[in-house]
C-alpha cells in the first residue's frame, strides 16, 4: 500500500514514511492510492470481534511495512480496558470500550467514544499514534518534534499520548483564552519535559495556518525533524475508521441493514474517516455533517460554495472545539469528489490559500456529494445546544457535551429525510464543558475521581504571536 498527495506533486510513499512527516512536501495531504474493499464475508467475520481484533483487521489492510505480529502487538497494547475506562450510560455494555446506547431503540443512538485518558474521541486514534511513533522512531533510531494546533481536544489527547516518550517532543499551539477551563487545565498542567504549550493570540485557524506554514518550509522541517499529530496526519484518520465499523456492528443485526452516522464536525477528520469506511463498503446510507455557528462546511454541502471565514468572522461558541473555519481534512474529500484530479485540487486550494473561496455549485462534482457519497448537513446554535442538552437529560437520563448536542440537534432535524436508524458520534464527556452544562442543567457534570481539582493545579504555557517566524525561533531554541 502506497500513499499519494492530494496535490499530486510528491512521490508515492509507504505508510511509515508518511507517518512521521504529516503534510506532503507539495503541501497536500496523503491518501492511499486506492481504498481496500471489504466483502460481505469480511463483515460477517468481523461482526463479533473485539475492538483490538477489529482494528487489526482494518489497519492491516492499509499498513504493509510493519510486520503483522508487531502491528498486532501495537494495537493490542493500545486498545485495552485499562486505557479506555468505562463510563456508564443507560444500556451500555461495560465490556465495550466504544459502547453504543439507544435513545430510541432501533432508531436513534449515541456511540460513546470518550472513555480514553482525556475524555474525548481524539484518544481513540491518538493513543495508538503515540505507540506507533515510539515503535517507528525506535526502529529507525530517530527523534521527532511534533508541531500541532488544537481547538481544545486534540492537544490534550496528543500530549497524554506522547508525554514522557524519550524520542518525541510536542509543541502544541492553542488559541489563547478560547478553550474551556477544563481543556486548558488538561494541557497546561502537564509537567513532562517533552511537552510545550504555546497559547496563540488568535483563533484556532491562526494556529493551524502557522503549523501549515512551518510544515511547508521543507528545509526547516527536515533540519528540525518536524512531524504532525493533527488529523492532517493520515494515521489519525486511519485509526478513526475502526469505530465506524464497530458502531455499525453494535447497531445492526445483519449486514443487509444500512445505517446513517451524524458527526459533529470542525476540521473534517472524524467524518472523513466515515467517508473512507463507506468507500470501503461499510453499509452507510447517509453521513450527516453537523456544525455549530461556524457553518462553512454546512454552507458547502448546501450550496457548493466553500468559503473559509476570516479570523474576525469566526464565532466564539459554546462548542469551542468546532470553532474552525478552515477544515484541513476537507481537501481529502474534495480530492475524491473531483475524481482524484490533483491538478484541480491544486487550483481550488490556490484560491483558498490566497484567502478566497471556490464554487462547485451546479457542477457534476457537487451533485456527487449526496448522490454518490451520501453527505447531508445541518447547523446548530447556542440556543439549540442548551435545549438539546436539557431534552436529552430529561427524556433519557443521559448527560452529553455541547458538541454532541450539536450532532443530536442536526440529526433530529433531518430524521424525516432518513431511511435508516441514525447513530450520533459522541465527541467528549460533559465535564470538559462545565460552564455550558451549568447553564443548561443547573448542575455540575460528573468527572472521574482522578481528575478532581484539575483546574486548581499549577499551569504553564507561553503566549506567542500567530507568526510562523516566531514559532520557528521558539522551536529552534528548544530542539
Protein backbone atom coordinates (compact mmCIF):
# COMPACT_ATOMS: atom_id res chain seq x y z
CA UNK A 1 0.00 0.00 0.00
CA UNK A 2 1.43 3.33 -1.08
CA UNK A 3 0.18 6.82 -0.38
CA UNK A 4 -0.22 9.80 -2.73
CA UNK A 5 -0.63 13.52 -2.12
CA UNK A 6 -3.91 15.28 -2.88
CA UNK A 7 -1.85 17.84 -4.84
CA UNK A 8 -0.05 15.26 -6.96
CA UNK A 9 3.49 16.64 -6.89
CA UNK A 10 5.03 14.34 -4.26
CA UNK A 11 6.18 10.75 -4.76
CA UNK A 12 4.04 7.85 -3.58
CA UNK A 13 5.39 6.51 -0.28
CA UNK A 14 4.78 3.61 2.13
CA UNK A 15 2.92 4.10 5.39
CA UNK A 16 5.83 4.54 7.82
CA UNK A 17 7.39 7.26 5.66
CA UNK A 18 4.23 9.39 5.60
CA UNK A 19 3.59 8.70 9.31
CA UNK A 20 6.45 10.86 10.51
CA UNK A 21 6.02 13.73 8.06
CA UNK A 22 2.39 14.86 8.28
CA UNK A 23 1.88 17.16 5.29
CA UNK A 24 3.25 16.04 1.93
CA UNK A 25 6.16 18.12 0.58
CA UNK A 26 3.85 19.71 -2.01
CA UNK A 27 1.52 20.95 0.75
CA UNK A 28 -1.11 18.29 0.13
CA UNK A 29 -2.48 15.52 2.35
CA UNK A 30 -1.76 11.85 1.95
CA UNK A 31 -4.34 9.25 0.99
CA UNK A 32 -3.92 5.62 -0.10
CA UNK A 33 -3.65 5.07 -3.86
CA UNK A 34 -6.86 3.03 -3.59
CA UNK A 35 -9.21 2.20 -0.74
CA UNK A 36 -9.27 -1.51 0.15
CA UNK A 37 -12.73 -3.02 -0.25
CA UNK A 38 -14.43 -5.25 2.30
CA UNK A 39 -16.75 -8.05 1.30
CA UNK A 40 -19.97 -9.29 2.93
CA UNK A 41 -17.91 -12.24 4.15
CA UNK A 42 -15.47 -9.85 5.82
CA UNK A 43 -18.31 -8.04 7.57
CA UNK A 44 -19.73 -11.33 8.83
CA UNK A 45 -16.34 -12.47 10.13
CA UNK A 46 -15.67 -9.13 11.82
CA UNK A 47 -19.07 -8.63 13.45
CA UNK A 48 -18.20 -10.28 16.78
CA UNK A 49 -14.54 -9.24 17.06
CA UNK A 50 -13.17 -7.25 19.97
CA UNK A 51 -12.20 -3.66 19.25
CA UNK A 52 -8.49 -4.54 19.11
CA UNK A 53 -9.03 -7.51 16.79
CA UNK A 54 -11.28 -5.45 14.52
CA UNK A 55 -8.68 -2.67 14.45
CA UNK A 56 -6.03 -5.14 13.32
CA UNK A 57 -8.21 -6.47 10.51
CA UNK A 58 -8.85 -2.96 9.19
CA UNK A 59 -5.48 -1.30 9.80
CA UNK A 60 -3.52 -4.21 8.34
CA UNK A 61 -5.22 -3.55 5.02
CA UNK A 62 -3.62 -0.11 4.92
CA UNK A 63 -0.23 -0.91 6.52
CA UNK A 64 2.11 -3.42 4.92
CA UNK A 65 5.51 -2.09 6.02
CA UNK A 66 5.16 -3.11 9.69
CA UNK A 67 5.35 -6.87 10.35
CA UNK A 68 1.84 -8.17 11.16
CA UNK A 69 2.90 -9.51 14.57
CA UNK A 70 4.35 -6.13 15.53
CA UNK A 71 1.27 -4.28 14.27
CA UNK A 72 -0.98 -6.60 16.24
CA UNK A 73 1.10 -6.05 19.39
CA UNK A 74 0.89 -2.24 18.99
CA UNK A 75 -2.89 -2.42 18.59
CA UNK A 76 -3.35 -4.84 21.49
CA UNK A 77 -1.25 -2.59 23.74
CA UNK A 78 -3.39 0.41 22.81
CA UNK A 79 -6.98 -0.76 22.94
CA UNK A 80 -7.38 -2.07 26.47
CA UNK A 81 -9.96 -1.65 29.20
CA UNK A 82 -7.26 -0.02 31.34
CA UNK A 83 -6.69 2.76 28.79
CA UNK A 84 -10.31 3.31 27.83
CA UNK A 85 -12.09 3.44 31.15
CA UNK A 86 -15.74 2.54 31.06
CA UNK A 87 -18.16 5.36 31.90
CA UNK A 88 -21.71 4.18 32.48
CA UNK A 89 -24.69 5.36 30.45
CA UNK A 90 -28.09 3.68 30.45
CA UNK A 91 -27.97 0.49 28.43
CA UNK A 92 -24.20 0.42 27.92
CA UNK A 93 -22.28 -2.84 27.97
CA UNK A 94 -19.43 -2.49 30.44
CA UNK A 95 -17.10 -4.68 28.40
CA UNK A 96 -17.08 -2.42 25.32
CA UNK A 97 -14.63 0.49 25.05
CA UNK A 98 -16.93 2.18 22.49
CA UNK A 99 -20.40 1.33 23.84
CA UNK A 100 -23.46 2.19 21.80
CA UNK A 101 -26.62 3.17 23.62
CA UNK A 102 -30.05 3.78 22.17
CA UNK A 103 -32.01 6.91 22.95
CA UNK A 104 -34.84 5.41 20.89
CA UNK A 105 -34.39 1.64 20.46
CA UNK A 106 -33.69 0.70 16.88
CA UNK A 107 -33.96 4.29 15.67
CA UNK A 108 -31.62 6.78 17.34
CA UNK A 109 -28.39 6.05 19.21
CA UNK A 110 -25.17 7.54 20.56
CA UNK A 111 -21.78 5.90 20.03
CA UNK A 112 -19.63 6.64 23.09
CA UNK A 113 -16.06 7.46 22.05
CA UNK A 114 -14.93 9.47 25.06
CA UNK A 115 -13.68 6.83 27.50
CA UNK A 116 -9.97 7.48 26.94
CA UNK A 117 -7.50 9.33 29.18
CA UNK A 118 -8.58 12.85 28.14
CA UNK A 119 -12.31 12.08 27.89
CA UNK A 120 -12.55 12.93 24.16
CA UNK A 121 -12.89 10.91 20.97
CA UNK A 122 -9.43 12.05 19.90
CA UNK A 123 -7.98 9.46 22.31
CA UNK A 124 -9.28 6.66 20.10
CA UNK A 125 -6.63 7.46 17.49
CA UNK A 126 -4.06 9.40 19.49
CA UNK A 127 -3.16 6.65 21.95
CA UNK A 128 -2.38 4.35 19.04
CA UNK A 129 -0.44 7.11 17.30
CA UNK A 130 1.76 7.57 20.37
CA UNK A 131 2.64 3.88 20.46
CA UNK A 132 3.15 3.85 16.69
CA UNK A 133 5.52 6.83 16.76
CA UNK A 134 7.56 5.21 19.50
CA UNK A 135 7.82 1.94 17.56
CA UNK A 136 8.90 3.53 14.25
CA UNK A 137 11.33 6.01 15.85
CA UNK A 138 12.97 3.23 17.85
CA UNK A 139 13.32 1.07 14.73
CA UNK A 140 14.91 3.95 12.83
CA UNK A 141 16.89 5.34 15.78
CA UNK A 142 15.38 8.79 15.17
CA UNK A 143 13.88 11.69 17.11
CA UNK A 144 10.70 13.59 16.21
CA UNK A 145 9.46 17.06 17.11
CA UNK A 146 5.70 17.28 16.83
CA UNK A 147 4.14 20.62 15.96
CA UNK A 148 0.37 20.72 16.30
CA UNK A 149 -2.60 23.02 16.68
CA UNK A 150 -5.68 22.37 18.78
CA UNK A 151 -9.10 23.90 19.24
CA UNK A 152 -9.37 22.03 22.53
CA UNK A 153 -9.30 18.24 22.49
CA UNK A 154 -6.54 17.29 20.02
CA UNK A 155 -3.89 18.99 22.14
CA UNK A 156 -4.61 17.17 25.38
CA UNK A 157 -5.09 13.84 23.59
CA UNK A 158 -1.73 14.25 21.82
CA UNK A 159 0.10 15.34 24.97
CA UNK A 160 -1.28 12.50 27.06
CA UNK A 161 -0.32 10.04 24.32
CA UNK A 162 3.23 11.40 23.92
CA UNK A 163 4.11 12.51 27.46
CA UNK A 164 7.35 11.03 28.74
CA UNK A 165 8.31 9.44 25.42
CA UNK A 166 12.07 9.77 25.07
CA UNK A 167 12.19 10.23 21.30
CA UNK A 168 9.37 12.77 20.97
CA UNK A 169 8.87 16.43 21.87
CA UNK A 170 5.42 18.02 21.49
CA UNK A 171 4.92 21.71 20.69
CA UNK A 172 1.17 22.38 20.82
CA UNK A 173 -0.44 25.64 19.72
CA UNK A 174 -3.85 26.57 21.11
CA UNK A 175 -5.99 29.73 20.81
CA UNK A 176 -5.30 31.92 23.84
CA UNK A 177 -8.39 32.18 26.06
CA UNK A 178 -10.63 30.25 23.64
CA UNK A 179 -10.74 26.79 25.25
CA UNK A 180 -12.78 25.67 28.23
CA UNK A 181 -11.15 25.85 31.67
CA UNK A 182 -11.04 22.04 31.81
CA UNK A 183 -9.38 21.78 28.39
CA UNK A 184 -6.73 24.35 29.36
CA UNK A 185 -6.05 22.59 32.64
CA UNK A 186 -5.65 19.21 30.97
CA UNK A 187 -2.91 20.59 28.74
CA UNK A 188 -1.25 23.32 30.75
CA UNK A 189 -0.96 21.34 34.00
CA UNK A 190 1.34 18.74 32.44
CA UNK A 191 4.90 18.97 33.75
CA UNK A 192 6.61 16.49 31.41
CA UNK A 193 9.84 17.88 30.00
CA UNK A 194 8.91 16.90 26.43
CA UNK A 195 5.63 18.88 26.40
CA UNK A 196 5.48 22.57 25.36
CA UNK A 197 2.21 24.54 25.33
CA UNK A 198 2.00 27.73 23.27
CA UNK A 199 -1.08 29.96 23.56
CA UNK A 200 -1.50 31.80 20.26
CA UNK A 201 -3.07 35.25 20.31
CA UNK A 202 -5.80 34.43 17.79
CA UNK A 203 -8.26 31.73 16.79
CA UNK A 204 -7.64 28.05 16.04
CA UNK A 205 -7.45 28.84 12.32
CA UNK A 206 -4.49 31.15 13.01
CA UNK A 207 -2.71 28.38 14.91
CA UNK A 208 -3.46 25.86 12.17
CA UNK A 209 -2.17 28.28 9.49
CA UNK A 210 1.12 28.62 11.39
CA UNK A 211 1.53 24.84 11.64
CA UNK A 212 0.96 24.51 7.90
CA UNK A 213 3.36 27.36 7.12
CA UNK A 214 6.14 25.80 9.19
CA UNK A 215 5.43 22.36 7.71
CA UNK A 216 5.60 23.80 4.19
CA UNK A 217 9.15 25.06 4.82
CA UNK A 218 10.79 21.84 3.64
CA UNK A 219 14.31 22.85 4.71
CA UNK A 220 13.29 23.85 8.25
CA UNK A 221 11.02 20.82 8.59
CA UNK A 222 13.80 18.40 7.59
CA UNK A 223 16.50 20.09 9.70
CA UNK A 224 14.37 20.05 12.84
CA UNK A 225 12.56 16.74 12.23
CA UNK A 226 9.08 18.27 12.40
CA UNK A 227 6.10 15.91 12.41
CA UNK A 228 2.37 16.25 12.97
CA UNK A 229 -0.36 14.74 15.14
CA UNK A 230 -3.26 16.83 13.86
CA UNK A 231 -5.64 14.97 11.62
CA UNK A 232 -3.56 16.15 8.68
CA UNK A 233 -1.56 13.05 9.72
CA UNK A 234 -3.12 10.15 7.82
CA UNK A 235 -2.61 7.72 10.71
CA UNK A 236 -5.11 9.70 12.82
CA UNK A 237 -7.86 9.41 10.22
CA UNK A 238 -6.99 5.76 9.59
CA UNK A 239 -7.46 4.78 13.23
CA UNK A 240 -10.83 6.53 13.36
CA UNK A 241 -12.22 4.35 10.55
CA UNK A 242 -12.36 1.45 13.01
CA UNK A 243 -15.12 2.79 15.23
CA UNK A 244 -17.49 3.29 12.30
CA UNK A 245 -17.31 -0.46 11.71
CA UNK A 246 -17.65 -1.15 15.44
CA UNK A 247 -20.62 1.19 15.72
CA UNK A 248 -22.28 -0.37 12.68
CA UNK A 249 -21.96 -3.86 14.14
CA UNK A 250 -23.33 -2.70 17.51
CA UNK A 251 -26.38 -1.04 15.92
CA UNK A 252 -27.34 -3.74 13.40
CA UNK A 253 -28.09 -7.46 13.43
CA UNK A 254 -27.21 -8.35 9.84
CA UNK A 255 -25.07 -6.91 7.07
CA UNK A 256 -28.18 -6.29 4.98
CA UNK A 257 -29.06 -3.34 7.20
CA UNK A 258 -27.90 0.19 6.39
CA UNK A 259 -27.14 2.88 8.96
CA UNK A 260 -26.57 6.64 8.97
CA UNK A 261 -23.99 8.44 11.10
CA UNK A 262 -24.19 12.04 12.32
CA UNK A 263 -20.83 13.62 13.12
CA UNK A 264 -20.14 16.94 14.91
CA UNK A 265 -17.53 18.44 12.60
CA UNK A 266 -14.77 21.02 12.87
CA UNK A 267 -11.65 20.00 10.95
CA UNK A 268 -13.46 17.28 8.94
CA UNK A 269 -11.16 14.49 10.14
CA UNK A 270 -13.78 12.49 12.05
CA UNK A 271 -16.33 12.44 9.25
CA UNK A 272 -13.57 11.91 6.68
CA UNK A 273 -12.93 8.57 8.40
CA UNK A 274 -16.62 7.75 7.93
CA UNK A 275 -16.37 8.68 4.26
CA UNK A 276 -13.49 6.23 3.84
CA UNK A 277 -15.34 3.48 5.74
CA UNK A 278 -18.24 3.99 3.33
CA UNK A 279 -15.90 3.83 0.34
CA UNK A 280 -14.53 0.56 1.71
CA UNK A 281 -18.00 -0.95 1.57
CA UNK A 282 -19.47 -0.40 5.05
CA UNK A 283 -23.26 -0.08 4.54
CA UNK A 284 -23.56 3.60 5.48
CA UNK A 285 -26.56 5.35 3.94
CA UNK A 286 -26.03 8.98 4.99
CA UNK A 287 -23.09 10.82 6.52
CA UNK A 288 -24.67 13.76 8.33
CA UNK A 289 -22.27 16.63 8.97
CA UNK A 290 -23.19 18.84 11.94
CA UNK A 291 -21.62 22.25 12.53
CA UNK A 292 -22.14 24.98 15.08
CA UNK A 293 -22.48 28.68 14.16
CA UNK A 294 -19.20 28.36 12.24
CA UNK A 295 -21.06 26.77 9.35
CA UNK A 296 -18.54 26.85 6.50
CA UNK A 297 -18.92 23.12 5.84
CA UNK A 298 -22.71 23.19 6.14
CA UNK A 299 -22.73 26.04 3.63
CA UNK A 300 -20.69 23.96 1.18
CA UNK A 301 -22.90 20.88 1.36
CA UNK A 302 -25.99 23.03 0.90
CA UNK A 303 -24.67 25.36 -1.84
CA UNK A 304 -21.43 24.02 -3.32
CA UNK A 305 -19.53 27.11 -2.17
CA UNK A 306 -16.53 26.62 0.12
CA UNK A 307 -15.79 29.98 1.71
CA UNK A 308 -13.47 29.85 4.73
CA UNK A 309 -14.04 32.82 7.03
CA UNK A 310 -11.54 35.42 8.09
CA UNK A 311 -10.34 35.21 11.69
CA UNK A 312 -12.54 38.13 12.68
CA UNK A 313 -15.58 36.31 11.26
CA UNK A 314 -15.04 33.07 13.21
CA UNK A 315 -17.58 32.89 16.01
CA UNK A 316 -16.63 32.02 19.59
CA UNK A 317 -19.24 29.48 20.70
CA UNK A 318 -20.16 27.09 23.49
CA UNK A 319 -18.93 24.15 21.37
CA UNK A 320 -15.40 25.58 21.05
CA UNK A 321 -13.69 22.55 19.52
CA UNK A 322 -15.75 23.24 16.39
CA UNK A 323 -14.87 26.94 16.16
CA UNK A 324 -13.00 26.30 12.93
CA UNK A 325 -13.43 27.93 9.53
CA UNK A 326 -10.67 26.18 7.56
CA UNK A 327 -11.19 22.44 7.68
CA UNK A 328 -7.87 20.81 6.80
CA UNK A 329 -9.24 17.35 6.03
CA UNK A 330 -11.83 18.72 3.64
CA UNK A 331 -9.11 18.63 0.97
CA UNK A 332 -9.07 14.83 1.24
CA UNK A 333 -12.78 14.64 0.49
CA UNK A 334 -12.56 17.14 -2.38
CA UNK A 335 -9.76 15.03 -3.89
CA UNK A 336 -12.18 12.09 -4.06
CA UNK A 337 -15.08 14.33 -5.12
CA UNK A 338 -13.24 15.62 -8.22
CA UNK A 339 -12.18 12.14 -9.29
CA UNK A 340 -8.73 12.35 -7.69
CA UNK A 341 -7.72 15.09 -10.11
CA UNK A 342 -4.72 16.56 -8.25
CA UNK A 343 -4.38 19.44 -10.72
CA UNK A 344 -7.93 20.52 -9.97
CA UNK A 345 -7.32 20.25 -6.22
CA UNK A 346 -4.22 22.44 -6.56
CA UNK A 347 -6.23 25.05 -8.43
CA UNK A 348 -9.05 25.05 -5.87
CA UNK A 349 -6.70 25.35 -2.90
CA UNK A 350 -4.66 28.04 -4.60
CA UNK A 351 -7.77 30.19 -4.17
CA UNK A 352 -8.29 29.07 -0.55
CA UNK A 353 -4.64 29.71 0.32
CA UNK A 354 -4.98 33.26 -1.01
CA UNK A 355 -7.88 33.84 1.39
CA UNK A 356 -10.54 33.22 -1.24
CA UNK A 357 -13.22 30.62 -1.93
CA UNK A 358 -14.25 28.15 -4.59
CA UNK A 359 -17.64 27.37 -6.08
CA UNK A 360 -18.69 23.92 -7.29
CA UNK A 361 -22.41 24.70 -7.37
CA UNK A 362 -24.16 23.36 -10.45
CA UNK A 363 -21.28 21.03 -11.31
CA UNK A 364 -21.41 17.25 -11.69
CA UNK A 365 -18.88 17.06 -8.85
CA UNK A 366 -21.16 18.84 -6.40
CA UNK A 367 -24.05 16.58 -7.33
CA UNK A 368 -21.92 13.61 -6.24
CA UNK A 369 -21.77 14.85 -2.60
CA UNK A 370 -25.20 13.49 -1.72
CA UNK A 371 -25.97 11.17 -4.63
CA UNK A 372 -22.74 9.16 -4.58
CA UNK A 373 -21.03 9.95 -1.28
CA UNK A 374 -24.11 10.25 0.95
CA UNK A 375 -23.38 13.64 2.55
CA UNK A 376 -26.06 15.89 4.00
CA UNK A 377 -25.59 18.59 6.64
CA UNK A 378 -27.04 20.99 9.16
CA UNK A 379 -26.01 23.54 11.77
CA UNK A 380 -26.77 24.32 15.40
CA UNK A 381 -26.78 27.40 17.63
CA UNK A 382 -26.14 28.06 21.31
CA UNK A 383 -29.89 28.06 21.98
CA UNK A 384 -30.17 24.73 20.16
CA UNK A 385 -27.37 23.26 22.26
CA UNK A 386 -28.93 24.34 25.54
CA UNK A 387 -32.34 22.99 24.53
CA UNK A 388 -30.84 19.71 23.33
CA UNK A 389 -28.76 19.20 26.47
CA UNK A 390 -31.91 19.65 28.55
CA UNK A 391 -34.08 17.43 26.36
CA UNK A 392 -31.61 14.52 26.29
CA UNK A 393 -31.19 14.70 30.05
CA UNK A 394 -34.93 14.94 30.75
CA UNK A 395 -36.06 12.29 28.27
CA UNK A 396 -33.25 9.77 28.54
CA UNK A 397 -31.32 10.48 31.75
CA UNK A 398 -28.13 10.97 29.73
CA UNK A 399 -25.77 13.95 30.03
CA UNK A 400 -23.96 14.80 26.81
CA UNK A 401 -21.46 17.52 25.93
CA UNK A 402 -22.24 20.61 23.78
CA UNK A 403 -20.58 19.25 20.60
CA UNK A 404 -22.53 16.00 20.82
CA UNK A 405 -25.62 18.16 21.38
CA UNK A 406 -24.94 19.86 18.03
CA UNK A 407 -24.91 16.40 16.45
CA UNK A 408 -28.13 15.31 18.16
CA UNK A 409 -29.91 18.52 17.16
CA UNK A 410 -28.89 18.26 13.50
CA UNK A 411 -29.69 14.54 13.33
CA UNK A 412 -33.14 15.12 14.80
CA UNK A 413 -33.83 17.95 12.36
CA UNK A 414 -33.10 15.65 9.42
CA UNK A 415 -34.66 12.42 10.66
CA UNK A 416 -37.73 12.71 8.44
CA UNK A 417 -35.44 12.60 5.40
CA UNK A 418 -33.61 9.46 6.57
CA UNK A 419 -34.48 5.89 5.62
CA UNK A 420 -32.29 4.27 8.28
CA UNK A 421 -31.56 4.41 12.00
CA UNK A 422 -29.03 7.13 12.88
CA UNK A 423 -26.05 6.98 15.22
CA UNK A 424 -24.58 10.23 16.56
CA UNK A 425 -20.88 10.08 17.37
CA UNK A 426 -20.31 11.31 20.92
CA UNK A 427 -17.26 13.57 20.99
CA UNK A 428 -16.42 14.19 24.66
CA UNK A 429 -17.62 13.88 28.21
CA UNK A 430 -19.68 16.72 29.58
CA UNK A 431 -17.23 17.63 32.36
CA UNK A 432 -14.93 19.21 29.77
CA UNK A 433 -17.54 21.96 29.24
CA UNK A 434 -18.89 22.53 32.71
CA UNK A 435 -19.93 26.18 32.19
CA UNK A 436 -22.37 25.24 29.43
CA UNK A 437 -23.68 22.28 31.44
CA UNK A 438 -24.35 24.55 34.40
CA UNK A 439 -26.27 26.94 32.14
CA UNK A 440 -28.31 24.16 30.57
CA UNK A 441 -28.92 21.86 33.51
CA UNK A 442 -28.08 23.83 36.63
CA UNK A 443 -25.75 21.09 37.82
CA UNK A 444 -22.11 20.11 37.93
CA UNK A 445 -21.26 17.35 35.45
CA UNK A 446 -19.70 14.24 36.91
CA UNK A 447 -15.98 13.68 36.49
CA UNK A 448 -13.61 10.76 37.13
CA UNK A 449 -12.24 10.84 40.67
CA UNK A 450 -8.64 11.16 39.48
CA UNK A 451 -9.49 14.46 37.75
CA UNK A 452 -10.92 16.15 40.84
CA UNK A 453 -9.38 19.59 41.29
CA UNK A 454 -7.73 19.53 37.85
CA UNK A 455 -8.36 23.23 37.24
CA UNK A 456 -6.63 24.10 40.54
CA UNK A 457 -3.29 22.59 39.53
CA UNK A 458 -0.43 24.92 38.55
CA UNK A 459 -0.39 25.59 34.82
CA UNK A 460 2.40 26.51 32.45
CA UNK A 461 2.15 27.88 28.92
CA UNK A 462 3.69 30.64 26.89
CA UNK A 463 1.77 33.27 24.96
CA UNK A 464 3.06 33.75 21.42
CA UNK A 465 2.04 35.62 18.27
CA UNK A 466 0.48 33.61 15.41
CA UNK A 467 3.61 34.00 13.32
CA UNK A 468 5.50 31.25 11.53
CA UNK A 469 8.77 33.07 12.18
CA UNK A 470 8.04 33.39 15.91
CA UNK A 471 7.23 29.68 16.13
CA UNK A 472 10.35 28.73 14.15
CA UNK A 473 12.51 30.76 16.52
CA UNK A 474 10.86 29.12 19.52
CA UNK A 475 11.39 25.64 18.09
CA UNK A 476 14.97 26.31 17.06
CA UNK A 477 15.85 27.36 20.61
CA UNK A 478 14.47 24.16 22.12
CA UNK A 479 15.27 21.39 19.65
